[in-house]
Amino acid sequence: MVCWSASAQAAPPEVQLQPRVEFWSGGEAFQGIWSIYTGASFAPFGSVREDGVRVRGVAGYADYGNGTVSFADLLVGYHAQLGPLTLKILAGITAADHAPDQPLASPRGAGLGAKGVVEAWWNITDRVWTSADLSWGSLESVYGSRVRLGWRLWPELSAGLEGGSAGTPDRDIARIGGFVRYEWETGELSISGGLVIGGPASDWQGSPGAFGTVSLLTRF
């Protein structure tokens, strides 16, 4: 993940400004649940900074206390820059392999389904921005959402508030907290943390807990 920096100085300026791949990895933890993931988005006909088709692959692993799950996505979509608004819409297939601890627990085994993702970024002013990420998968009707409101303390450093929710028709979690994001020409590092609460969708009685996330992205 650090090898890209070795050749950055040797490349001509016009090459440095035209990355075609975004690669990221990260993890999160809350209430005895943790996950790690990695993914890449490829612009086959130009730069990842320009309008055009995107091909995205993601893979990860999670331990949810009563079992584990491995998951992967393969998505195709479009990136559009509409003035201060950046919009990405992708759809494709998702796969998951559940391994619960209890013999009769479900879901169990491998499954394949459809997935859709919408991501938006809006530069409200030179110093203030907001973003929203939404996803839904047909496997267990899993959904996820996250909204951020950030302030640029310096051109490279932002801090702000975030909130979101995720779950299935049977169980949901919600979280609210803050984040710090540092960006540079070829990547960014984001760290967030706060409170999370969750339980059965019809009767939230879980006690609040803490969550933390970290994500590193590079472009080349």
Protein backbone atom coordinates (compact mmCIF):
# COMPACT_ATOMS: atom_id res chain seq x y z
CA MET A 1 0.00 0.00 0.00
CA VAL A 2 2.96 2.34 0.36
CA CYS A 3 4.75 1.29 -2.84
CA TRP A 4 2.89 3.89 -4.92
CA SER A 5 4.87 6.69 -3.23
CA ALA A 6 8.22 5.36 -4.46
CA SER A 7 7.52 6.19 -8.11
CA ALA A 8 5.35 9.28 -7.66
CA GLN A 9 8.25 11.73 -7.94
CA ALA A 10 9.65 10.08 -11.07
CA ALA A 11 6.39 10.28 -13.03
CA PRO A 12 5.65 13.31 -15.23
CA PRO A 13 3.15 15.78 -13.70
CA GLU A 14 0.46 14.97 -16.25
CA VAL A 15 0.64 11.27 -15.27
CA GLN A 16 0.32 12.06 -11.56
CA LEU A 17 -2.89 14.00 -12.18
CA GLN A 18 -4.61 11.24 -14.16
CA PRO A 19 -5.08 8.27 -11.81
CA ARG A 20 -7.28 5.48 -13.14
CA VAL A 21 -7.60 3.39 -9.96
CA GLU A 22 -8.79 4.12 -6.43
CA PHE A 23 -7.74 1.48 -3.90
CA TRP A 24 -8.92 1.48 -0.31
CA SER A 25 -8.90 -0.67 2.81
CA GLY A 26 -10.16 -0.27 6.33
CA GLY A 27 -12.03 -1.71 9.27
CA GLU A 28 -14.59 -0.98 11.95
CA ALA A 29 -15.58 -2.30 15.36
CA PHE A 30 -18.57 -1.89 17.68
CA GLN A 31 -20.36 -3.89 20.41
CA GLY A 32 -18.25 -7.01 19.95
CA ILE A 33 -18.55 -6.90 16.15
CA TRP A 34 -15.62 -6.15 13.85
CA SER A 35 -14.95 -6.20 10.14
CA ILE A 36 -12.13 -5.55 7.68
CA TYR A 37 -12.47 -4.82 3.98
CA THR A 38 -10.59 -3.78 0.86
CA GLY A 39 -11.72 -2.62 -2.56
CA ALA A 40 -10.82 -0.87 -5.78
CA SER A 41 -12.61 1.27 -8.34
CA PHE A 42 -11.33 1.37 -11.93
CA ALA A 43 -12.04 3.97 -14.63
CA PRO A 44 -11.56 2.00 -17.89
CA PHE A 45 -11.90 4.98 -20.24
CA GLY A 46 -10.19 7.85 -18.38
CA SER A 47 -9.29 9.23 -14.97
CA VAL A 48 -11.12 8.48 -11.72
CA ARG A 49 -11.38 12.27 -11.34
CA GLU A 50 -13.47 12.61 -14.52
CA ASP A 51 -16.98 11.64 -15.58
CA GLY A 52 -17.22 8.10 -16.85
CA VAL A 53 -17.84 4.41 -16.29
CA ARG A 54 -16.61 2.77 -13.10
CA VAL A 55 -15.94 -0.87 -12.28
CA ARG A 56 -15.71 -1.63 -8.55
CA GLY A 57 -14.74 -4.73 -6.61
CA VAL A 58 -14.93 -5.10 -2.81
CA ALA A 59 -14.11 -7.98 -0.46
CA GLY A 60 -14.20 -8.30 3.30
CA TYR A 61 -14.61 -10.40 6.43
CA ALA A 62 -16.65 -9.81 9.58
CA ASP A 63 -17.07 -11.41 12.99
CA TYR A 64 -20.49 -10.57 14.45
CA GLY A 65 -20.13 -12.37 17.76
CA ASN A 66 -22.34 -15.36 16.91
CA GLY A 67 -20.47 -16.28 13.74
CA THR A 68 -18.52 -14.95 10.80
CA VAL A 69 -19.24 -13.88 7.25
CA SER A 70 -17.08 -13.36 4.17
CA PHE A 71 -18.46 -11.05 1.51
CA ALA A 72 -17.63 -9.62 -1.92
CA ASP A 73 -19.21 -7.21 -4.43
CA LEU A 74 -18.71 -6.66 -8.15
CA LEU A 75 -20.37 -3.45 -9.35
CA VAL A 76 -20.52 -1.34 -12.50
CA GLY A 77 -21.73 2.24 -12.62
CA TYR A 78 -21.11 5.87 -13.53
CA HIS A 79 -19.31 8.83 -11.95
CA ALA A 80 -20.73 12.29 -12.73
CA GLN A 81 -19.41 15.70 -11.69
CA LEU A 82 -22.28 18.23 -11.59
CA GLY A 83 -20.62 21.47 -10.55
CA PRO A 84 -19.99 21.24 -6.78
CA LEU A 85 -21.85 17.89 -6.63
CA THR A 86 -20.15 14.54 -7.25
CA LEU A 87 -22.51 11.62 -7.84
CA LYS A 88 -21.73 7.90 -8.19
CA ILE A 89 -24.36 5.26 -8.97
CA LEU A 90 -23.37 1.57 -9.18
CA ALA A 91 -25.14 -1.77 -9.34
CA GLY A 92 -24.12 -5.40 -9.66
CA ILE A 93 -23.83 -8.64 -7.71
CA THR A 94 -22.98 -9.37 -4.09
CA ALA A 95 -21.91 -12.67 -2.51
CA ALA A 96 -21.71 -13.74 1.13
CA ASP A 97 -20.77 -16.90 3.00
CA HIS A 98 -22.16 -17.10 6.55
CA ALA A 99 -20.73 -19.41 9.20
CA PRO A 100 -22.85 -19.08 12.38
CA ASP A 101 -21.69 -20.61 15.64
CA GLN A 102 -25.01 -22.30 16.42
CA PRO A 103 -25.92 -25.40 14.37
CA LEU A 104 -29.49 -24.26 13.59
CA ALA A 105 -28.82 -20.54 13.22
CA SER A 106 -29.46 -18.76 9.94
CA PRO A 107 -28.40 -17.45 7.54
CA ARG A 108 -25.89 -20.22 6.84
CA GLY A 109 -23.74 -21.00 3.82
CA ALA A 110 -23.11 -19.09 0.62
CA GLY A 111 -25.53 -16.88 -1.27
CA LEU A 112 -25.58 -14.60 -4.29
CA GLY A 113 -27.74 -11.54 -4.86
CA ALA A 114 -28.05 -8.06 -6.34
CA LYS A 115 -26.69 -4.83 -4.89
CA GLY A 116 -27.00 -1.11 -5.56
CA VAL A 117 -24.90 1.81 -4.27
CA VAL A 118 -25.39 5.59 -4.43
CA GLU A 119 -22.65 7.98 -3.22
CA ALA A 120 -22.82 11.78 -3.25
CA TRP A 121 -20.40 14.57 -2.27
CA TRP A 122 -21.40 18.25 -2.22
CA ASN A 123 -18.95 21.12 -1.70
CA ILE A 124 -21.35 23.59 -0.08
CA THR A 125 -18.64 26.25 0.22
CA ASP A 126 -14.84 26.28 0.04
CA ARG A 127 -14.77 25.30 3.72
CA VAL A 128 -17.94 23.23 4.23
CA TRP A 129 -18.91 19.94 2.56
CA THR A 130 -21.34 17.08 3.05
CA SER A 131 -21.47 13.49 1.80
CA ALA A 132 -24.03 10.69 1.78
CA ASP A 133 -23.53 6.96 1.06
CA LEU A 134 -26.44 4.55 0.59
CA SER A 135 -26.41 0.83 -0.24
CA TRP A 136 -28.87 -2.05 -0.46
CA GLY A 137 -28.38 -5.74 -1.16
CA SER A 138 -31.00 -8.38 -1.88
CA LEU A 139 -29.27 -10.96 0.36
CA GLU A 140 -31.31 -10.62 3.59
CA SER A 141 -32.32 -7.13 2.35
CA VAL A 142 -29.20 -5.66 3.94
CA TYR A 143 -28.96 -1.87 3.81
CA GLY A 144 -26.43 0.72 4.93
CA SER A 145 -26.29 4.50 5.11
CA ARG A 146 -23.89 7.19 6.27
CA VAL A 147 -24.08 10.99 6.18
CA ARG A 148 -21.21 13.35 7.00
CA LEU A 149 -20.97 17.11 7.46
CA GLY A 150 -17.38 18.36 7.36
CA TRP A 151 -15.46 21.60 7.85
CA ARG A 152 -12.06 22.18 6.28
CA LEU A 153 -9.83 23.38 9.09
CA TRP A 154 -7.03 23.52 6.50
CA PRO A 155 -7.17 22.60 2.81
CA GLU A 156 -5.95 19.08 3.64
CA LEU A 157 -7.62 18.53 7.03
CA SER A 158 -11.36 18.21 7.70
CA ALA A 159 -13.33 17.40 10.85
CA GLY A 160 -17.03 17.04 11.41
CA LEU A 161 -20.06 15.01 12.39
CA GLU A 162 -21.37 11.75 11.00
CA GLY A 163 -24.42 9.56 11.46
CA GLY A 164 -25.79 6.44 9.87
CA SER A 165 -27.64 3.19 10.17
CA ALA A 166 -27.40 -0.35 8.84
CA GLY A 167 -29.18 -3.63 9.18
CA THR A 168 -31.88 -5.96 7.91
CA PRO A 169 -35.68 -6.08 8.34
CA ASP A 170 -35.09 -8.02 11.59
CA ARG A 171 -32.30 -6.00 13.18
CA ASP A 172 -30.98 -2.45 12.88
CA ILE A 173 -28.15 -0.40 14.30
CA ALA A 174 -27.73 3.37 14.35
CA ARG A 175 -24.66 5.41 15.15
CA ILE A 176 -23.66 9.02 15.60
CA GLY A 177 -20.23 10.50 16.15
CA GLY A 178 -17.43 12.53 14.68
CA PHE A 179 -14.59 12.07 12.21
CA VAL A 180 -11.24 13.46 11.12
CA ARG A 181 -10.18 13.25 7.46
CA TYR A 182 -6.76 14.09 6.01
CA GLU A 183 -6.35 14.21 2.24
CA TRP A 184 -3.47 14.69 -0.18
CA GLU A 185 -3.07 14.64 -3.96
CA THR A 186 -3.15 10.86 -4.28
CA GLY A 187 -5.20 9.71 -1.32
CA GLU A 188 -6.86 10.24 2.03
CA LEU A 189 -7.04 8.85 5.58
CA SER A 190 -10.28 8.94 7.59
CA ILE A 191 -10.88 8.02 11.25
CA SER A 192 -14.24 8.19 13.03
CA GLY A 193 -15.78 7.20 16.34
CA GLY A 194 -18.84 7.71 18.52
CA LEU A 195 -21.89 5.95 19.92
CA VAL A 196 -23.87 3.06 18.45
CA ILE A 197 -27.17 1.50 19.52
CA GLY A 198 -29.08 -1.38 17.98
CA GLY A 199 -31.41 -4.30 18.38
CA PRO A 200 -34.50 -5.88 16.85
CA ALA A 201 -36.04 -3.48 14.36
CA SER A 202 -39.39 -3.54 16.16
CA ASP A 203 -38.05 -2.89 19.67
CA TRP A 204 -34.71 -1.16 20.17
CA GLN A 205 -33.61 -1.93 23.72
CA GLY A 206 -29.90 -2.46 23.26
CA SER A 207 -27.54 -0.48 25.48
CA PRO A 208 -25.39 2.17 23.73
CA GLY A 209 -21.83 1.27 22.92
CA ALA A 210 -18.83 2.75 21.18
CA PHE A 211 -17.76 2.36 17.55
CA GLY A 212 -14.60 3.17 15.65
CA THR A 213 -13.65 3.09 11.97
CA VAL A 214 -10.50 3.72 9.94
CA SER A 215 -10.11 3.88 6.17
CA LEU A 216 -7.14 4.55 3.88
CA LEU A 217 -7.52 5.34 0.16
CA THR A 218 -4.87 5.82 -2.55
CA ARG A 219 -5.14 6.72 -6.24
CA PHE A 220 -2.77 5.62 -8.98
